[in-house]
Structures are given as structure tokens and as C-alpha cells.
């Protein structure tokens, strides 16, 4: 249900984004006119194959990688699974060690947990109260049998930016000192369009991306795999994507991904100041109007687009319903687990008490966010909290 003017104030861009008109227009011909299978030999297939190559080139340009290092997948989650399981399955079953963090997306944590059930070992490094990983602590967890390290570039719930290059350098040094050949993966799904994705500057061997977080289509992801890295494909069949992900490529979605990433990167620097200004205004307004609010994480080491706020004595789900009634769309914790009433594992890792963590709300700004949107939130949020606190059953 929304407010009387039916205008949706969408502040959940970290969950998904609307497709840009330019992206839709670029995709449309490949649904109806240029629908050939890129693996076939006739001319229509050649058009589809050219479109795949063009999208691969666009993405490689943004990542500063080789075109043959780009693998198309069905989602960011699939990209994470392919990187983690695909590398593990090249080893002797159940042998080896993975180092990751306690605040990764579930698309990293759950595959690692699955591997643990199969006999692999894993270490989950904690974070400080701002959500930052200590690079030296992370690197010190490397053992002779460590084969993979995974650290997300930008956290999806609180927006923390990790020092991935520094962590990767120390991790490799630690690996060399104990005879471990450690590959480094980063989940960069929330980083695209916000910070640089240059894989050489970041020093990563694998990187996961998703189309629908950057105003592109749902159902398509990318995994950067540095040349020389061998993965066991999770999907076998026709040998597409250089035998790294079988199945006929979804040409329209791939075309949309390439266009969306190109546009997001081209506008990244020009939109940074506007995002920072809107974010600062929202945070300042929440603190002034609701002094009991806890702004999760240290703002100086976060992307401005993601603001997570916690409130004592109310549940985040109830806040969201109240905001939705007023035409404001936000989220509580990760969108992929919003049906759960469990406190966010990210906020618990920051040291929050469960009673506070369950009262969190995430506002995530995007290219269409306006000052009017921020004004609406600052008007509605105090009213929603006042109403909820008037009823003991809401706690």
C-alpha cells in the first residue's frame, strides 16, 4: 500500500535497480530479430555471436582485463558459487582450506559452508565495529593448504569498502611464506558503479558481478577469471564460455549487462558528489530527528549509496511496513534473506546485540534518488517509529 499520490519513493537500490531505457533498447532486437544461437554457423547466429563479443569487450574494458577472462553466468550468486566451488572441485575431494570473512553475502558464506560439510576447512575472519577487516589478521589465517581467499569489495548491508588490494597482497605474501598457492576472489556485486573495478589495481584473481544491481537485467552475472586459473565447471554440457559454463548464452541479457556496466562506469565519477550529498543529508537528518538511531559502520570507509540504521525496541520488518504504507521502499538486512526474522549476521559481526540488530533498516540510494525522496523519509521515519513504539506488541 502506498501514500495517496501513489508515488513510490524507491530507496532499495542495493536490492535491485530499474533497467535503464538505453539498456532495454539495446536488448530488444535480440529477443525478436537477432535471436540466433551464437554457437550456430549461419548469419543470424553470427549477429548473436558478435553481440556476445561486443558485450565481453565492454566488460573487459571496465575491468581492465582480457576479453577471454570474462565468463557469463546466470547471476552474481552463480558467479560466487562458480569461483568458490569451481576452484575447490579441482582439488582432491575434501582437501584444502578457505579464508573468508564473517560479513560476506550468503552467496559466499553458504557455498563455503557446503564445502565444509564435504570435508574442506574454512576460517571466517571477523571485523571491527565499522565492518572493516584487519588485513594482517586475515593474512595470518593462511595455512600451507589454503587455496582460496574471498573478501567482498563493498558490503551489501552496510556499504563498507574493504582494502582488497592490501588484503590480497598480504595474503599472497603469507601464502608464499608457507608454501600455499592462494587465489583471491572478491564479490564486487555492490561495488559496480560506485568504485573502480580495475582487477589489476585490486590484485584479484576472480571477481563476481551482477546485472540487476547496475540498472541492467536480472538473470545475468559475470565472473572474471584471470588467465591461468582453472575451474571445474558447475554446469556441464555444450562447452560454452570456453568450457567454464555450459548452456546457450542468454544474448539479450548479456547485451544488457554490457551496456549497463558501460553506462554505470561512465557516470561513476560524475554522480559521486551528488550521492555523497544526498547520503550526508539523510544521515544528518536521521541523527537530528532520531538521536537514539545507530548509524551502522563508519561513513568515511563506506560507499555513500548504502545507509544502514538500527533502532532499539522495534523490529525492522515493522518499520518497513510502516514506511511502505507511506510510499517508501527500503529493506531490512539483506534482500535475499528479508523473509527471515533472524538478526543480520553482518550487524552481529559488528558486535551489535541481537535486540538492536533486528531493528535495522537499510536505505540504498540510486541515480533517480532526489532531495524530495530524502525529505519524505525524514518526515515519515519519525512518525512510523512513534506509532510502533505506542504499541508494546511491536517490540
Protein backbone atom coordinates (compact mmCIF):
# COMPACT_ATOMS: atom_id res chain seq x y z
CA UNK A 1 0.00 0.00 0.00
CA UNK A 2 1.30 3.48 -0.81
CA UNK A 3 0.55 7.07 0.02
CA UNK A 4 -2.31 8.93 -1.63
CA UNK A 5 -0.25 10.33 -4.52
CA UNK A 6 0.89 6.78 -5.39
CA UNK A 7 4.46 7.97 -5.91
CA UNK A 8 6.87 5.22 -4.91
CA UNK A 9 9.95 6.54 -3.16
CA UNK A 10 12.33 3.73 -4.05
CA UNK A 11 15.32 3.56 -1.69
CA UNK A 12 16.27 -0.10 -2.11
CA UNK A 13 18.77 0.10 -4.98
CA UNK A 14 21.11 -2.33 -3.22
CA UNK A 15 18.41 -5.00 -3.66
CA UNK A 16 17.74 -4.30 -7.34
CA UNK A 17 17.57 -1.42 -9.79
CA UNK A 18 15.19 -0.48 -12.61
CA UNK A 19 16.53 -1.12 -16.08
CA UNK A 20 17.63 1.97 -17.94
CA UNK A 21 15.81 2.79 -21.18
CA UNK A 22 19.12 2.67 -23.07
CA UNK A 23 19.68 -0.88 -21.82
CA UNK A 24 16.21 -2.05 -22.79
CA UNK A 25 16.57 -0.57 -26.26
CA UNK A 26 19.91 -2.28 -26.76
CA UNK A 27 18.45 -5.64 -25.70
CA UNK A 28 15.19 -5.65 -27.67
CA UNK A 29 16.46 -6.74 -31.12
CA UNK A 30 18.00 -9.88 -29.61
CA UNK A 31 14.62 -11.09 -28.36
CA UNK A 32 12.79 -10.93 -31.69
CA UNK A 33 15.03 -10.18 -34.68
CA UNK A 34 18.58 -11.27 -33.89
CA UNK A 35 17.58 -14.34 -31.90
CA UNK A 36 20.08 -16.82 -33.33
CA UNK A 37 22.08 -19.29 -31.24
CA UNK A 38 25.61 -17.86 -31.05
CA UNK A 39 27.05 -21.38 -31.36
CA UNK A 40 25.48 -21.96 -34.79
CA UNK A 41 27.11 -21.17 -38.15
CA UNK A 42 24.51 -19.21 -40.15
CA UNK A 43 24.49 -15.41 -40.43
CA UNK A 44 21.81 -14.79 -37.80
CA UNK A 45 23.95 -16.74 -35.33
CA UNK A 46 26.86 -14.55 -36.34
CA UNK A 47 24.91 -11.47 -35.26
CA UNK A 48 24.31 -13.03 -31.86
CA UNK A 49 27.93 -14.10 -31.60
CA UNK A 50 29.10 -10.59 -32.46
CA UNK A 51 26.81 -9.17 -29.77
CA UNK A 52 28.35 -11.53 -27.19
CA UNK A 53 31.84 -10.49 -28.24
CA UNK A 54 30.92 -6.82 -28.06
CA UNK A 55 29.48 -7.17 -24.55
CA UNK A 56 32.53 -9.13 -23.45
CA UNK A 57 34.73 -6.36 -24.81
CA UNK A 58 32.71 -3.69 -22.98
CA UNK A 59 33.02 -5.52 -19.67
CA UNK A 60 36.71 -6.28 -20.13
CA UNK A 61 37.32 -2.58 -20.78
CA UNK A 62 35.70 -1.58 -17.47
CA UNK A 63 37.57 -4.30 -15.56
CA UNK A 64 40.87 -3.67 -17.40
CA UNK A 65 41.04 -7.37 -18.20
CA UNK A 66 41.33 -9.59 -21.26
CA UNK A 67 38.13 -10.44 -23.06
CA UNK A 68 38.73 -14.17 -22.66
CA UNK A 69 38.79 -13.68 -18.88
CA UNK A 70 35.09 -12.76 -18.82
CA UNK A 71 32.63 -15.61 -18.12
CA UNK A 72 28.88 -15.03 -18.40
CA UNK A 73 26.70 -16.64 -15.71
CA UNK A 74 23.08 -16.51 -14.60
CA UNK A 75 23.59 -14.24 -11.57
CA UNK A 76 26.06 -12.80 -9.11
CA UNK A 77 25.27 -15.72 -6.82
CA UNK A 78 26.17 -18.19 -9.53
CA UNK A 79 29.40 -16.31 -10.14
CA UNK A 80 30.30 -16.63 -6.45
CA UNK A 81 29.42 -20.32 -6.41
CA UNK A 82 31.43 -20.95 -9.57
CA UNK A 83 34.51 -19.22 -8.15
CA UNK A 84 34.38 -21.00 -4.79
CA UNK A 85 33.15 -24.48 -5.67
CA UNK A 86 34.73 -24.48 -9.10
CA UNK A 87 38.16 -23.93 -7.60
CA UNK A 88 37.59 -26.40 -4.74
CA UNK A 89 36.49 -29.15 -7.14
CA UNK A 90 39.81 -29.00 -8.99
CA UNK A 91 41.46 -30.32 -5.84
CA UNK A 92 41.43 -33.68 -4.13
CA UNK A 93 37.93 -34.01 -2.62
CA UNK A 94 37.66 -32.59 0.88
CA UNK A 95 41.24 -31.35 0.94
CA UNK A 96 42.11 -27.71 1.41
CA UNK A 97 41.39 -24.54 3.36
CA UNK A 98 39.48 -21.32 2.57
CA UNK A 99 39.77 -17.95 4.29
CA UNK A 100 36.88 -15.51 4.10
CA UNK A 101 35.08 -13.01 6.35
CA UNK A 102 32.12 -13.13 8.68
CA UNK A 103 30.20 -10.43 6.77
CA UNK A 104 30.16 -11.90 3.27
CA UNK A 105 26.94 -12.23 1.31
CA UNK A 106 25.21 -15.57 1.82
CA UNK A 107 26.13 -16.41 -1.78
CA UNK A 108 29.70 -16.73 -0.48
CA UNK A 109 29.12 -17.99 3.04
CA UNK A 110 26.72 -20.81 2.09
CA UNK A 111 28.94 -22.33 -0.64
CA UNK A 112 31.84 -22.29 1.80
CA UNK A 113 29.67 -23.97 4.43
CA UNK A 114 28.67 -26.59 1.87
CA UNK A 115 32.33 -27.29 1.19
CA UNK A 116 32.95 -27.65 4.93
CA UNK A 117 30.33 -30.40 5.00
CA UNK A 118 32.31 -32.12 2.25
CA UNK A 119 35.48 -32.09 4.32
CA UNK A 120 37.12 -28.80 3.34
CA UNK A 121 38.18 -26.43 6.11
CA UNK A 122 37.34 -22.74 6.42
CA UNK A 123 38.25 -19.76 8.58
CA UNK A 124 35.89 -16.80 8.93
CA UNK A 125 37.71 -13.61 9.92
CA UNK A 126 35.77 -11.12 11.98
CA UNK A 127 35.54 -7.35 11.53
CA UNK A 128 35.76 -4.31 13.76
CA UNK A 129 32.73 -2.27 14.76
CA UNK A 130 32.89 -0.35 11.48
CA UNK A 131 32.79 -3.52 9.38
CA UNK A 132 36.43 -3.42 8.32
CA UNK A 133 38.66 -6.47 8.09
CA UNK A 134 42.15 -6.29 9.58
CA UNK A 135 44.40 -7.21 6.61
CA UNK A 136 47.13 -8.64 8.82
CA UNK A 137 44.70 -10.78 10.80
CA UNK A 138 43.22 -12.06 7.56
CA UNK A 139 46.60 -12.93 6.06
CA UNK A 140 47.73 -14.63 9.27
CA UNK A 141 44.97 -17.22 8.81
CA UNK A 142 46.66 -18.61 5.68
CA UNK A 143 47.97 -22.16 6.06
CA UNK A 144 50.00 -24.45 3.79
CA UNK A 145 46.75 -26.00 2.50
CA UNK A 146 44.94 -22.68 1.88
CA UNK A 147 43.87 -22.41 -1.76
CA UNK A 148 41.29 -19.61 -1.74
CA UNK A 149 40.68 -16.27 -0.05
CA UNK A 150 37.44 -14.36 -0.60
CA UNK A 151 36.68 -10.82 0.58
CA UNK A 152 33.80 -8.72 -0.72
CA UNK A 153 34.70 -5.32 -2.11
CA UNK A 154 31.61 -3.47 -0.83
CA UNK A 155 29.29 -4.91 1.79
CA UNK A 156 25.68 -5.18 0.67
CA UNK A 157 24.13 -4.29 4.03
CA UNK A 158 26.27 -1.50 5.47
CA UNK A 159 28.35 -0.40 2.47
CA UNK A 160 31.79 -0.97 3.96
CA UNK A 161 34.63 -0.77 1.44
CA UNK A 162 37.33 -3.32 2.15
CA UNK A 163 41.02 -2.69 1.43
CA UNK A 164 41.01 -5.57 -1.04
CA UNK A 165 44.36 -4.80 -2.66
CA UNK A 166 46.15 -4.62 0.68
CA UNK A 167 44.45 -7.77 1.94
CA UNK A 168 45.26 -9.62 -1.29
CA UNK A 169 48.94 -8.57 -1.21
CA UNK A 170 49.41 -9.66 2.41
CA UNK A 171 47.51 -12.89 1.79
CA UNK A 172 49.78 -13.82 -1.11
CA UNK A 173 52.88 -12.96 0.91
CA UNK A 174 51.64 -15.14 3.74
CA UNK A 175 50.92 -17.92 1.28
CA UNK A 176 54.38 -17.76 -0.25
CA UNK A 177 55.99 -17.92 3.18
CA UNK A 178 54.23 -21.20 3.99
CA UNK A 179 54.16 -22.74 0.54
CA UNK A 180 50.47 -22.10 -0.21
CA UNK A 181 49.23 -21.12 -3.67
CA UNK A 182 46.34 -18.86 -2.67
CA UNK A 183 43.95 -17.41 -5.24
CA UNK A 184 41.97 -14.29 -4.33
CA UNK A 185 38.28 -13.77 -5.12
CA UNK A 186 36.13 -10.72 -4.49
CA UNK A 187 32.36 -10.34 -4.59
CA UNK A 188 32.05 -6.93 -6.27
CA UNK A 189 28.30 -7.04 -6.89
CA UNK A 190 27.65 -3.93 -4.77
CA UNK A 191 30.80 -2.12 -5.92
CA UNK A 192 29.88 -1.77 -9.59
CA UNK A 193 29.05 1.80 -10.50
CA UNK A 194 30.33 3.02 -7.14
CA UNK A 195 34.11 2.40 -7.09
CA UNK A 196 36.74 1.23 -9.56
CA UNK A 197 36.57 -2.38 -10.73
CA UNK A 198 40.08 -2.49 -12.20
CA UNK A 199 41.10 -6.08 -11.46
CA UNK A 200 44.79 -5.28 -11.76
CA UNK A 201 44.63 -2.40 -9.31
CA UNK A 202 42.64 -4.63 -6.95
CA UNK A 203 45.03 -7.56 -7.40
CA UNK A 204 42.29 -10.19 -7.62
CA UNK A 205 42.19 -13.49 -9.49
CA UNK A 206 38.40 -13.70 -9.67
CA UNK A 207 35.59 -11.15 -9.40
CA UNK A 208 31.80 -11.58 -9.29
CA UNK A 209 29.31 -9.08 -10.75
CA UNK A 210 25.54 -8.92 -11.25
CA UNK A 211 23.47 -7.20 -13.93
CA UNK A 212 20.44 -6.09 -11.96
CA UNK A 213 22.42 -4.05 -9.42
CA UNK A 214 23.60 -1.65 -12.14
CA UNK A 215 20.33 -0.82 -13.93
CA UNK A 216 20.66 -3.88 -16.12
CA UNK A 217 18.59 -7.05 -16.45
CA UNK A 218 18.03 -9.72 -13.83
CA UNK A 219 19.22 -13.24 -14.59
CA UNK A 220 22.73 -12.44 -15.78
CA UNK A 221 26.06 -12.24 -13.99
CA UNK A 222 29.75 -12.14 -14.79
CA UNK A 223 32.74 -13.90 -13.31
CA UNK A 224 36.17 -12.51 -14.11
CA UNK A 225 38.65 -15.40 -14.11
CA UNK A 226 42.28 -14.41 -14.53
CA UNK A 227 44.17 -16.22 -17.25
CA UNK A 228 45.74 -19.41 -15.92
CA UNK A 229 43.11 -20.01 -13.22
CA UNK A 230 41.47 -23.41 -13.71
CA UNK A 231 37.90 -24.01 -12.50
CA UNK A 232 35.76 -27.12 -12.60
CA UNK A 233 32.52 -26.04 -14.33
CA UNK A 234 29.39 -26.37 -12.21
CA UNK A 235 27.25 -26.74 -15.34
CA UNK A 236 28.45 -29.23 -17.96
CA UNK A 237 27.14 -29.67 -21.46
CA UNK A 238 27.96 -27.93 -24.72
CA UNK A 239 31.18 -26.31 -23.50
CA UNK A 240 30.13 -22.67 -23.87
CA UNK A 241 32.13 -19.90 -22.23
CA UNK A 242 35.40 -21.74 -23.00
CA UNK A 243 34.04 -24.79 -21.18
CA UNK A 244 33.63 -22.84 -17.96
CA UNK A 245 29.81 -22.54 -18.02
CA UNK A 246 27.79 -24.65 -20.42
CA UNK A 247 24.40 -23.65 -21.76
CA UNK A 248 23.38 -21.39 -24.62
CA UNK A 249 24.27 -17.84 -23.66
CA UNK A 250 21.33 -15.53 -22.97
CA UNK A 251 22.29 -12.98 -25.61
CA UNK A 252 19.73 -10.23 -24.77
CA UNK A 253 20.68 -10.27 -21.10
CA UNK A 254 24.40 -10.32 -21.84
CA UNK A 255 23.97 -7.37 -24.20
CA UNK A 256 22.07 -5.54 -21.47
CA UNK A 257 24.78 -6.27 -18.93
CA UNK A 258 27.49 -4.88 -21.17
CA UNK A 259 25.55 -1.69 -21.83
CA UNK A 260 24.54 -1.21 -18.18
CA UNK A 261 28.08 -1.65 -16.89
CA UNK A 262 29.47 0.73 -19.50
CA UNK A 263 26.93 3.41 -18.61
CA UNK A 264 27.40 2.94 -14.85
CA UNK A 265 31.16 3.25 -15.15
CA UNK A 266 30.98 6.28 -17.44
CA UNK A 267 28.81 8.13 -14.89
CA UNK A 268 30.51 6.85 -11.74
CA UNK A 269 32.70 9.85 -11.02
CA UNK A 270 30.13 12.46 -12.06
CA UNK A 271 27.45 11.06 -9.73
CA UNK A 272 29.71 10.55 -6.71
CA UNK A 273 29.30 14.06 -5.27
CA UNK A 274 25.52 14.00 -5.66
CA UNK A 275 25.27 10.62 -3.94
CA UNK A 276 27.50 11.84 -1.12
CA UNK A 277 25.41 14.99 -0.65
CA UNK A 278 22.12 13.08 -0.53
CA UNK A 279 23.59 10.46 1.79
CA UNK A 280 25.03 13.08 4.16
CA UNK A 281 21.68 14.86 4.26
CA UNK A 282 19.82 11.66 5.08
CA UNK A 283 22.25 10.63 7.83
CA UNK A 284 22.34 14.11 9.35
CA UNK A 285 18.54 14.32 9.30
CA UNK A 286 18.09 10.93 10.96
CA UNK A 287 20.55 11.80 13.73
CA UNK A 288 18.87 15.16 14.36
CA UNK A 289 15.32 13.82 14.38
CA UNK A 290 16.06 10.45 15.99
CA UNK A 291 19.10 10.85 18.27
CA UNK A 292 18.71 7.27 19.51
CA UNK A 293 19.41 5.94 15.99
CA UNK A 294 22.61 3.98 15.42
CA UNK A 295 24.23 4.59 12.02
CA UNK A 296 25.90 1.27 11.30
CA UNK A 297 29.53 1.42 10.26
CA UNK A 298 31.98 4.26 9.76
CA UNK A 299 30.79 6.58 7.00
CA UNK A 300 34.29 7.56 5.89
CA UNK A 301 35.04 4.00 4.75
CA UNK A 302 31.68 3.28 3.10
CA UNK A 303 30.03 3.97 -0.23
CA UNK A 304 27.52 6.79 0.24
CA UNK A 305 24.73 4.92 -1.53
CA UNK A 306 24.14 2.48 1.35
CA UNK A 307 22.96 3.70 4.78
CA UNK A 308 22.04 1.17 7.46
CA UNK A 309 20.33 2.40 10.63
CA UNK A 310 19.42 0.43 13.76
CA UNK A 311 16.74 1.23 16.34
CA UNK A 312 16.24 -0.32 19.75
CA UNK A 313 12.81 -1.61 20.73
CA UNK A 314 11.27 -2.11 17.28
CA UNK A 315 11.61 -4.70 14.54
CA UNK A 316 12.98 -3.70 11.17
CA UNK A 317 10.17 -5.54 9.42
CA UNK A 318 7.57 -3.42 11.19
CA UNK A 319 9.43 -0.24 10.24
CA UNK A 320 9.48 -1.35 6.62
CA UNK A 321 5.74 -2.00 6.60
CA UNK A 322 5.11 1.44 8.09
CA UNK A 323 7.34 3.09 5.52
CA UNK A 324 5.72 1.12 2.72
CA UNK A 325 2.31 2.40 3.82
CA UNK A 326 3.73 5.90 3.28
CA UNK A 327 5.08 5.00 -0.16
CA UNK A 328 8.71 4.42 0.79
CA UNK A 329 10.53 1.23 -0.21
CA UNK A 330 13.55 0.22 1.86
CA UNK A 331 14.84 -3.05 3.30
CA UNK A 332 16.00 -4.69 6.50
CA UNK A 333 19.21 -6.68 6.27
CA UNK A 334 19.99 -8.46 3.04
CA UNK A 335 17.21 -8.54 0.47
CA UNK A 336 17.95 -12.22 -0.12
CA UNK A 337 17.02 -13.01 3.49
CA UNK A 338 14.34 -10.38 4.16
CA UNK A 339 11.75 -13.07 4.90
CA UNK A 340 13.74 -14.13 7.95
CA UNK A 341 13.21 -12.59 11.39
CA UNK A 342 16.74 -13.51 12.43
CA UNK A 343 19.07 -10.56 13.09
CA UNK A 344 21.51 -9.67 10.34
CA UNK A 345 24.72 -11.71 10.52
CA UNK A 346 26.56 -8.60 9.35
CA UNK A 347 25.34 -6.46 12.25
CA UNK A 348 26.03 -9.25 14.74
CA UNK A 349 29.58 -9.40 13.38
CA UNK A 350 29.92 -5.69 14.14
CA UNK A 351 29.20 -6.53 17.78
CA UNK A 352 25.56 -5.41 17.93
CA UNK A 353 23.21 -7.05 20.37
CA UNK A 354 20.54 -9.15 18.64
CA UNK A 355 17.81 -6.93 20.13
CA UNK A 356 19.29 -3.95 18.30
CA UNK A 357 20.25 -5.78 15.12
CA UNK A 358 16.65 -6.89 14.46
CA UNK A 359 15.65 -3.22 14.36
CA UNK A 360 17.76 -2.30 11.34
CA UNK A 361 16.68 -0.56 8.16
CA UNK A 362 18.77 -0.13 5.01
CA UNK A 363 18.25 2.83 2.72
CA UNK A 364 20.11 2.50 -0.57
CA UNK A 365 20.21 5.44 -2.94
CA UNK A 366 20.38 5.37 -6.71
CA UNK A 367 20.63 7.52 -9.83
CA UNK A 368 16.94 8.52 -9.60
CA UNK A 369 17.02 9.47 -5.91
CA UNK A 370 16.10 13.12 -5.31
CA UNK A 371 16.13 15.63 -2.48
CA UNK A 372 12.36 15.19 -2.31
CA UNK A 373 12.88 11.49 -1.60
CA UNK A 374 15.19 12.30 1.30
CA UNK A 375 12.69 14.86 2.65
CA UNK A 376 9.93 12.25 2.53
CA UNK A 377 11.98 9.74 4.51
CA UNK A 378 12.91 12.29 7.15
CA UNK A 379 9.22 13.13 7.58
CA UNK A 380 7.92 9.57 7.57
CA UNK A 381 10.51 7.69 9.63
CA UNK A 382 9.95 9.51 12.97
CA UNK A 383 6.17 9.11 12.56
CA UNK A 384 6.47 5.38 11.87
CA UNK A 385 8.72 4.82 14.88
CA UNK A 386 6.41 6.84 17.13
CA UNK A 387 3.43 4.76 16.05
CA UNK A 388 5.26 1.46 16.54
CA UNK A 389 6.52 2.39 19.99
CA UNK A 390 3.00 3.25 21.04
CA UNK A 391 2.14 -0.44 20.82
CA UNK A 392 4.07 -2.83 23.11
CA UNK A 393 3.33 -5.73 20.72
CA UNK A 394 5.62 -4.18 18.09
CA UNK A 395 8.74 -4.88 20.16
